[in-house]
Amino acid sequence: MKVLLLNGPNLNMLGAREPEIYGRDTLIDIIGRVEKRGVELGIEVAAFQSNHEGALIDFLQKEAPEASGLILNFGSLTHTSIGLRDAVVATGLPAYEVHISNIFAREGFRHRSMISAVCRGIVSGFGWRGYLYALDALAAGLQEGK
């Protein structure tokens, strides 16, 4: 089983960017934890980050045929990108949306997601652990045939 872990704009700056909101862990730290949990679950994790919408779409189109599911933190593109939404739908794969901060306790423009409606679940506000919760939920669903 292979899961694609996609991270969008500015998530490469985790650890330095607004640590009071996003914590001090880097994206590399988080990916390492997700990969470790993946090994425990028998799942290969293929991680990708880009600050560019088209690169995220290209990665999805290229890698989705060999994948079983998606974990998505598209950052600010979550709130604006119909193109990413359509790319997620086109994969036909189960997807979970992740946000490190609680987007519903922040600015109003963050309350709307273009991605949520095409995901099986949303994990928001649990810090880096949200990625692990999403992986666990995805793995459970795949084992149950959902």
N, C-alpha and C. Protein backbone atom coordinates (compact mmCIF):
# COMPACT_ATOMS: atom_id res chain seq x y z
N MET A 1 0.83 -1.18 0.00
CA MET A 1 0.00 0.00 0.00
C MET A 1 0.88 1.25 0.00
N LYS A 2 0.46 2.24 -0.76
CA LYS A 2 1.20 3.49 -0.85
C LYS A 2 0.24 4.65 -0.63
N VAL A 3 0.64 5.58 0.23
CA VAL A 3 -0.14 6.78 0.51
C VAL A 3 0.66 8.00 0.08
N LEU A 4 -0.01 8.90 -0.61
CA LEU A 4 0.63 10.15 -1.00
C LEU A 4 0.35 11.21 0.06
N LEU A 5 1.40 11.88 0.51
CA LEU A 5 1.32 12.94 1.51
C LEU A 5 1.74 14.24 0.84
N LEU A 6 0.77 15.10 0.58
CA LEU A 6 1.04 16.35 -0.12
C LEU A 6 0.91 17.54 0.81
N ASN A 7 1.89 18.43 0.72
CA ASN A 7 1.92 19.66 1.50
C ASN A 7 2.10 20.84 0.56
N GLY A 8 1.33 21.88 0.80
CA GLY A 8 1.32 23.03 -0.09
C GLY A 8 2.19 24.19 0.37
N PRO A 9 1.84 25.39 -0.09
CA PRO A 9 2.65 26.58 0.11
C PRO A 9 3.00 26.87 1.56
N ASN A 10 4.25 27.24 1.74
CA ASN A 10 4.82 27.70 3.00
C ASN A 10 5.00 26.62 4.06
N LEU A 11 4.56 25.41 3.79
CA LEU A 11 4.75 24.35 4.78
C LEU A 11 6.20 23.91 4.86
N ASN A 12 6.99 24.24 3.86
CA ASN A 12 8.44 24.03 3.92
C ASN A 12 9.08 24.95 4.96
N MET A 13 8.35 25.93 5.45
CA MET A 13 8.86 26.88 6.44
C MET A 13 8.47 26.51 7.87
N LEU A 14 7.83 25.34 8.04
CA LEU A 14 7.46 24.93 9.39
C LEU A 14 8.70 24.88 10.28
N GLY A 15 8.51 25.22 11.53
CA GLY A 15 9.60 25.28 12.48
C GLY A 15 10.11 26.69 12.64
N ALA A 16 10.07 27.46 11.57
CA ALA A 16 10.50 28.87 11.59
C ALA A 16 9.30 29.81 11.46
N ARG A 17 8.30 29.38 10.73
CA ARG A 17 7.14 30.23 10.42
C ARG A 17 6.11 30.18 11.56
N GLU A 18 5.86 31.29 12.17
CA GLU A 18 4.83 31.44 13.20
C GLU A 18 4.77 30.23 14.15
N PRO A 19 5.84 29.98 14.88
CA PRO A 19 5.87 28.78 15.75
C PRO A 19 4.79 28.79 16.82
N GLU A 20 4.28 29.96 17.17
CA GLU A 20 3.18 30.02 18.14
C GLU A 20 1.89 29.42 17.58
N ILE A 21 1.78 29.34 16.27
CA ILE A 21 0.61 28.73 15.62
C ILE A 21 0.94 27.31 15.15
N TYR A 22 2.09 27.15 14.50
CA TYR A 22 2.41 25.90 13.82
C TYR A 22 3.41 25.01 14.55
N GLY A 23 3.97 25.49 15.65
CA GLY A 23 4.93 24.70 16.41
C GLY A 23 6.34 24.85 15.87
N ARG A 24 7.26 24.12 16.49
CA ARG A 24 8.67 24.22 16.14
C ARG A 24 9.17 23.05 15.29
N ASP A 25 8.30 22.08 15.04
CA ASP A 25 8.70 20.94 14.23
C ASP A 25 8.76 21.35 12.77
N THR A 26 9.79 20.86 12.07
CA THR A 26 9.92 21.14 10.64
C THR A 26 9.08 20.14 9.85
N LEU A 27 8.88 20.43 8.59
CA LEU A 27 8.17 19.50 7.72
C LEU A 27 8.95 18.18 7.62
N ILE A 28 10.25 18.26 7.60
CA ILE A 28 11.08 17.04 7.56
C ILE A 28 10.83 16.19 8.81
N ASP A 29 10.72 16.84 9.97
CA ASP A 29 10.41 16.11 11.22
C ASP A 29 9.08 15.39 11.10
N ILE A 30 8.08 16.11 10.61
CA ILE A 30 6.73 15.56 10.51
C ILE A 30 6.70 14.40 9.52
N ILE A 31 7.30 14.59 8.36
CA ILE A 31 7.32 13.52 7.36
C ILE A 31 8.01 12.29 7.92
N GLY A 32 9.08 12.48 8.65
CA GLY A 32 9.77 11.35 9.27
C GLY A 32 8.86 10.57 10.21
N ARG A 33 8.06 11.27 10.99
CA ARG A 33 7.14 10.60 11.90
C ARG A 33 6.04 9.86 11.14
N VAL A 34 5.55 10.48 10.08
CA VAL A 34 4.51 9.83 9.27
C VAL A 34 5.08 8.59 8.58
N GLU A 35 6.28 8.70 8.04
CA GLU A 35 6.91 7.54 7.40
C GLU A 35 7.13 6.41 8.40
N LYS A 36 7.55 6.76 9.60
CA LYS A 36 7.76 5.74 10.65
C LYS A 36 6.45 5.04 10.98
N ARG A 37 5.37 5.81 11.13
CA ARG A 37 4.06 5.22 11.40
C ARG A 37 3.62 4.38 10.22
N GLY A 38 3.91 4.84 9.01
CA GLY A 38 3.59 4.07 7.82
C GLY A 38 4.25 2.70 7.84
N VAL A 39 5.52 2.65 8.21
CA VAL A 39 6.22 1.37 8.31
C VAL A 39 5.50 0.45 9.29
N GLU A 40 5.09 0.99 10.44
CA GLU A 40 4.37 0.20 11.44
C GLU A 40 3.07 -0.37 10.88
N LEU A 41 2.45 0.38 9.96
CA LEU A 41 1.17 -0.03 9.37
C LEU A 41 1.33 -0.81 8.07
N GLY A 42 2.56 -0.95 7.60
CA GLY A 42 2.79 -1.62 6.32
C GLY A 42 2.44 -0.75 5.13
N ILE A 43 2.60 0.56 5.28
CA ILE A 43 2.24 1.52 4.24
C ILE A 43 3.47 2.34 3.84
N GLU A 44 3.71 2.42 2.55
CA GLU A 44 4.75 3.31 2.04
C GLU A 44 4.17 4.71 1.95
N VAL A 45 4.90 5.70 2.43
CA VAL A 45 4.46 7.09 2.36
C VAL A 45 5.34 7.82 1.37
N ALA A 46 4.72 8.40 0.36
CA ALA A 46 5.43 9.20 -0.63
C ALA A 46 5.07 10.66 -0.39
N ALA A 47 6.01 11.42 0.14
CA ALA A 47 5.76 12.82 0.51
C ALA A 47 6.23 13.78 -0.57
N PHE A 48 5.47 14.86 -0.70
CA PHE A 48 5.80 15.90 -1.68
C PHE A 48 5.31 17.24 -1.14
N GLN A 49 6.14 18.28 -1.30
CA GLN A 49 5.75 19.64 -0.93
C GLN A 49 6.09 20.56 -2.07
N SER A 50 5.19 21.50 -2.32
CA SER A 50 5.48 22.54 -3.30
C SER A 50 4.74 23.81 -2.93
N ASN A 51 5.34 24.92 -3.31
CA ASN A 51 4.70 26.22 -3.16
C ASN A 51 3.88 26.57 -4.40
N HIS A 52 3.78 25.61 -5.34
CA HIS A 52 3.13 25.88 -6.62
C HIS A 52 1.97 24.91 -6.85
N GLU A 53 0.83 25.45 -7.12
CA GLU A 53 -0.39 24.66 -7.33
C GLU A 53 -0.22 23.64 -8.45
N GLY A 54 0.33 24.05 -9.57
CA GLY A 54 0.49 23.15 -10.70
C GLY A 54 1.40 21.97 -10.39
N ALA A 55 2.44 22.19 -9.60
CA ALA A 55 3.34 21.10 -9.22
C ALA A 55 2.61 20.07 -8.36
N LEU A 56 1.73 20.53 -7.49
CA LEU A 56 0.93 19.61 -6.66
C LEU A 56 -0.01 18.78 -7.54
N ILE A 57 -0.64 19.43 -8.49
CA ILE A 57 -1.54 18.74 -9.42
C ILE A 57 -0.75 17.73 -10.26
N ASP A 58 0.39 18.14 -10.77
CA ASP A 58 1.23 17.23 -11.56
C ASP A 58 1.63 16.00 -10.75
N PHE A 59 2.02 16.20 -9.49
CA PHE A 59 2.40 15.08 -8.62
C PHE A 59 1.21 14.13 -8.43
N LEU A 60 0.04 14.68 -8.15
CA LEU A 60 -1.15 13.84 -8.00
C LEU A 60 -1.42 13.02 -9.25
N GLN A 61 -1.39 13.66 -10.40
CA GLN A 61 -1.68 12.96 -11.66
C GLN A 61 -0.66 11.87 -11.95
N LYS A 62 0.59 12.13 -11.63
CA LYS A 62 1.64 11.16 -11.92
C LYS A 62 1.62 9.99 -10.94
N GLU A 63 1.44 10.26 -9.66
CA GLU A 63 1.61 9.25 -8.62
C GLU A 63 0.33 8.52 -8.22
N ALA A 64 -0.82 9.11 -8.44
CA ALA A 64 -2.08 8.52 -7.97
C ALA A 64 -2.36 7.11 -8.51
N PRO A 65 -2.02 6.80 -9.76
CA PRO A 65 -2.33 5.45 -10.25
C PRO A 65 -1.67 4.33 -9.43
N GLU A 66 -0.59 4.63 -8.73
CA GLU A 66 0.11 3.62 -7.93
C GLU A 66 -0.20 3.74 -6.44
N ALA A 67 -1.13 4.62 -6.07
CA ALA A 67 -1.40 4.90 -4.66
C ALA A 67 -2.74 4.33 -4.22
N SER A 68 -2.88 4.23 -2.90
CA SER A 68 -4.12 3.73 -2.29
C SER A 68 -4.91 4.83 -1.60
N GLY A 69 -4.27 5.96 -1.28
CA GLY A 69 -4.96 7.04 -0.58
C GLY A 69 -4.11 8.29 -0.50
N LEU A 70 -4.74 9.36 0.00
CA LEU A 70 -4.12 10.68 0.04
C LEU A 70 -4.26 11.31 1.42
N ILE A 71 -3.19 11.99 1.86
CA ILE A 71 -3.23 12.87 3.01
C ILE A 71 -2.81 14.23 2.49
N LEU A 72 -3.66 15.24 2.71
CA LEU A 72 -3.49 16.52 2.05
C LEU A 72 -3.46 17.68 3.03
N ASN A 73 -2.41 18.45 2.98
CA ASN A 73 -2.39 19.76 3.65
C ASN A 73 -1.96 20.74 2.59
N PHE A 74 -2.93 21.30 1.91
CA PHE A 74 -2.64 22.21 0.82
C PHE A 74 -2.40 23.64 1.31
N GLY A 75 -2.34 23.83 2.63
CA GLY A 75 -2.08 25.16 3.16
C GLY A 75 -3.09 26.16 2.64
N SER A 76 -2.64 27.33 2.27
CA SER A 76 -3.54 28.39 1.81
C SER A 76 -4.32 28.01 0.55
N LEU A 77 -3.81 27.09 -0.25
CA LEU A 77 -4.52 26.68 -1.46
C LEU A 77 -5.80 25.91 -1.13
N THR A 78 -5.90 25.41 0.09
CA THR A 78 -7.12 24.74 0.56
C THR A 78 -8.33 25.64 0.35
N HIS A 79 -8.14 26.92 0.56
CA HIS A 79 -9.25 27.87 0.58
C HIS A 79 -9.55 28.49 -0.78
N THR A 80 -8.72 28.16 -1.78
CA THR A 80 -8.86 28.87 -3.05
C THR A 80 -8.84 28.00 -4.30
N SER A 81 -8.35 26.77 -4.22
CA SER A 81 -8.03 26.04 -5.44
C SER A 81 -9.08 25.02 -5.86
N ILE A 82 -9.83 25.39 -6.87
CA ILE A 82 -10.75 24.43 -7.48
C ILE A 82 -9.95 23.42 -8.30
N GLY A 83 -8.82 23.84 -8.85
CA GLY A 83 -7.96 22.93 -9.61
C GLY A 83 -7.47 21.78 -8.76
N LEU A 84 -7.04 22.04 -7.53
CA LEU A 84 -6.60 20.96 -6.64
C LEU A 84 -7.77 20.08 -6.25
N ARG A 85 -8.92 20.69 -6.00
CA ARG A 85 -10.12 19.91 -5.68
C ARG A 85 -10.41 18.93 -6.80
N ASP A 86 -10.42 19.42 -8.03
CA ASP A 86 -10.70 18.58 -9.18
C ASP A 86 -9.65 17.48 -9.36
N ALA A 87 -8.40 17.80 -9.07
CA ALA A 87 -7.32 16.81 -9.18
C ALA A 87 -7.50 15.70 -8.15
N VAL A 88 -7.93 16.06 -6.94
CA VAL A 88 -8.19 15.06 -5.90
C VAL A 88 -9.33 14.14 -6.34
N VAL A 89 -10.41 14.72 -6.84
CA VAL A 89 -11.55 13.93 -7.32
C VAL A 89 -11.12 12.99 -8.44
N ALA A 90 -10.31 13.49 -9.35
CA ALA A 90 -9.89 12.69 -10.51
C ALA A 90 -9.09 11.46 -10.10
N THR A 91 -8.43 11.50 -8.96
CA THR A 91 -7.67 10.33 -8.53
C THR A 91 -8.58 9.16 -8.15
N GLY A 92 -9.77 9.46 -7.68
CA GLY A 92 -10.68 8.42 -7.20
C GLY A 92 -10.24 7.78 -5.89
N LEU A 93 -9.26 8.38 -5.22
CA LEU A 93 -8.69 7.81 -4.01
C LEU A 93 -9.31 8.42 -2.75
N PRO A 94 -9.38 7.64 -1.67
CA PRO A 94 -9.82 8.21 -0.40
C PRO A 94 -8.79 9.23 0.08
N ALA A 95 -9.29 10.36 0.58
CA ALA A 95 -8.41 11.45 0.98
C ALA A 95 -8.81 11.99 2.35
N TYR A 96 -7.81 12.43 3.08
CA TYR A 96 -8.01 13.11 4.36
C TYR A 96 -7.29 14.45 4.31
N GLU A 97 -7.99 15.48 4.73
CA GLU A 97 -7.46 16.84 4.77
C GLU A 97 -6.89 17.10 6.17
N VAL A 98 -5.70 17.68 6.22
CA VAL A 98 -5.03 17.95 7.49
C VAL A 98 -4.69 19.43 7.59
N HIS A 99 -4.89 19.98 8.79
CA HIS A 99 -4.43 21.34 9.12
C HIS A 99 -3.79 21.30 10.49
N ILE A 100 -2.61 21.85 10.61
CA ILE A 100 -1.89 21.85 11.88
C ILE A 100 -2.64 22.69 12.91
N SER A 101 -3.09 23.86 12.50
CA SER A 101 -3.85 24.72 13.40
C SER A 101 -5.34 24.45 13.22
N ASN A 102 -6.13 24.93 14.17
CA ASN A 102 -7.58 24.83 14.04
C ASN A 102 -8.04 25.98 13.15
N ILE A 103 -8.29 25.66 11.89
CA ILE A 103 -8.63 26.71 10.92
C ILE A 103 -9.94 27.41 11.28
N PHE A 104 -10.79 26.78 12.07
CA PHE A 104 -12.07 27.37 12.42
C PHE A 104 -11.96 28.33 13.60
N ALA A 105 -10.80 28.38 14.24
CA ALA A 105 -10.54 29.33 15.32
C ALA A 105 -9.67 30.48 14.83
N ARG A 106 -9.51 30.58 13.52
CA ARG A 106 -8.66 31.61 12.93
C ARG A 106 -9.47 32.56 12.06
N GLU A 107 -8.80 33.25 11.18
CA GLU A 107 -9.46 34.24 10.33
C GLU A 107 -10.60 33.60 9.53
N GLY A 108 -11.62 34.39 9.28
CA GLY A 108 -12.80 33.90 8.58
C GLY A 108 -12.52 33.28 7.22
N PHE A 109 -11.56 33.83 6.49
CA PHE A 109 -11.28 33.30 5.15
C PHE A 109 -10.73 31.88 5.20
N ARG A 110 -10.24 31.46 6.36
CA ARG A 110 -9.73 30.09 6.51
C ARG A 110 -10.84 29.08 6.82
N HIS A 111 -12.03 29.53 7.08
CA HIS A 111 -13.12 28.64 7.47
C HIS A 111 -13.70 27.85 6.29
N ARG A 112 -13.45 28.31 5.09
CA ARG A 112 -13.99 27.63 3.91
C ARG A 112 -12.89 26.85 3.20
N SER A 113 -13.18 25.60 2.92
CA SER A 113 -12.23 24.73 2.22
C SER A 113 -12.83 24.25 0.92
N MET A 114 -12.06 24.36 -0.14
CA MET A 114 -12.47 23.81 -1.42
C MET A 114 -12.26 22.30 -1.45
N ILE A 115 -11.49 21.78 -0.51
CA ILE A 115 -11.06 20.39 -0.52
C ILE A 115 -11.95 19.49 0.35
N SER A 116 -12.47 20.02 1.45
CA SER A 116 -13.18 19.20 2.45
C SER A 116 -14.28 18.33 1.87
N ALA A 117 -15.06 18.86 0.96
CA ALA A 117 -16.21 18.12 0.44
C ALA A 117 -15.82 16.87 -0.35
N VAL A 118 -14.57 16.79 -0.77
CA VAL A 118 -14.13 15.61 -1.54
C VAL A 118 -13.19 14.72 -0.72
N CYS A 119 -13.16 14.95 0.59
CA CYS A 119 -12.34 14.15 1.50
C CYS A 119 -13.24 13.33 2.42
N ARG A 120 -12.70 12.22 2.89
CA ARG A 120 -13.43 11.37 3.85
C ARG A 120 -13.46 11.99 5.22
N GLY A 121 -12.46 12.79 5.53
CA GLY A 121 -12.40 13.41 6.85
C GLY A 121 -11.44 14.57 6.87
N ILE A 122 -11.57 15.35 7.96
CA ILE A 122 -10.71 16.51 8.17
C ILE A 122 -10.11 16.41 9.56
N VAL A 123 -8.81 16.63 9.66
CA VAL A 123 -8.14 16.66 10.95
C VAL A 123 -7.55 18.06 11.08
N SER A 124 -8.04 18.81 12.06
CA SER A 124 -7.66 20.22 12.19
C SER A 124 -7.42 20.57 13.65
N GLY A 125 -6.26 21.17 13.91
CA GLY A 125 -6.00 21.70 15.23
C GLY A 125 -5.22 20.81 16.17
N PHE A 126 -4.69 19.70 15.70
CA PHE A 126 -3.95 18.78 16.55
C PHE A 126 -2.43 18.87 16.35
N GLY A 127 -1.98 19.93 15.71
CA GLY A 127 -0.55 20.08 15.45
C GLY A 127 -0.07 18.99 14.51
N TRP A 128 1.22 18.66 14.62
CA TRP A 128 1.81 17.65 13.73
C TRP A 128 1.15 16.29 13.88
N ARG A 129 0.55 16.03 15.06
CA ARG A 129 -0.09 14.73 15.29
C ARG A 129 -1.27 14.50 14.34
N GLY A 130 -1.83 15.56 13.82
CA GLY A 130 -2.94 15.42 12.88
C GLY A 130 -2.59 14.58 11.67
N TYR A 131 -1.35 14.66 11.23
CA TYR A 131 -0.91 13.83 10.11
C TYR A 131 -0.97 12.34 10.47
N LEU A 132 -0.58 12.01 11.70
CA LEU A 132 -0.64 10.62 12.14
C LEU A 132 -2.08 10.15 12.27
N TYR A 133 -2.95 11.03 12.81
CA TYR A 133 -4.36 10.67 12.94
C TYR A 133 -4.97 10.41 11.57
N ALA A 134 -4.61 11.22 10.59
CA ALA A 134 -5.12 11.03 9.23
C ALA A 134 -4.63 9.72 8.65
N LEU A 135 -3.36 9.41 8.86
CA LEU A 135 -2.81 8.15 8.35
C LEU A 135 -3.50 6.95 9.00
N ASP A 136 -3.70 7.02 10.31
CA ASP A 136 -4.40 5.93 11.00
C ASP A 136 -5.81 5.75 10.47
N ALA A 137 -6.53 6.86 10.26
CA ALA A 137 -7.89 6.78 9.74
C ALA A 137 -7.91 6.22 8.32
N LEU A 138 -6.98 6.67 7.50
CA LEU A 138 -6.90 6.18 6.13
C LEU A 138 -6.58 4.69 6.11
N ALA A 139 -5.63 4.27 6.92
CA ALA A 139 -5.25 2.85 6.98
C ALA A 139 -6.43 2.00 7.44
N ALA A 140 -7.15 2.46 8.45
CA ALA A 140 -8.31 1.71 8.95
C ALA A 140 -9.36 1.57 7.86
N GLY A 141 -9.63 2.65 7.14
CA GLY A 141 -10.60 2.61 6.06
C GLY A 141 -10.19 1.67 4.95
N LEU A 142 -8.91 1.69 4.60
CA LEU A 142 -8.43 0.80 3.55
C LEU A 142 -8.54 -0.67 3.97
N GLN A 143 -8.24 -0.95 5.24
CA GLN A 143 -8.35 -2.32 5.73
C GLN A 143 -9.80 -2.79 5.77
N GLU A 144 -10.71 -1.86 6.00
CA GLU A 144 -12.14 -2.19 6.04
C GLU A 144 -12.76 -2.19 4.65
N GLY A 145 -11.96 -1.85 3.65
CA GLY A 145 -12.46 -1.82 2.29
C GLY A 145 -13.30 -0.61 1.97
N LYS A 146 -13.09 0.47 2.70
CA LYS A 146 -13.84 1.71 2.47
C LYS A 146 -13.01 2.73 1.77
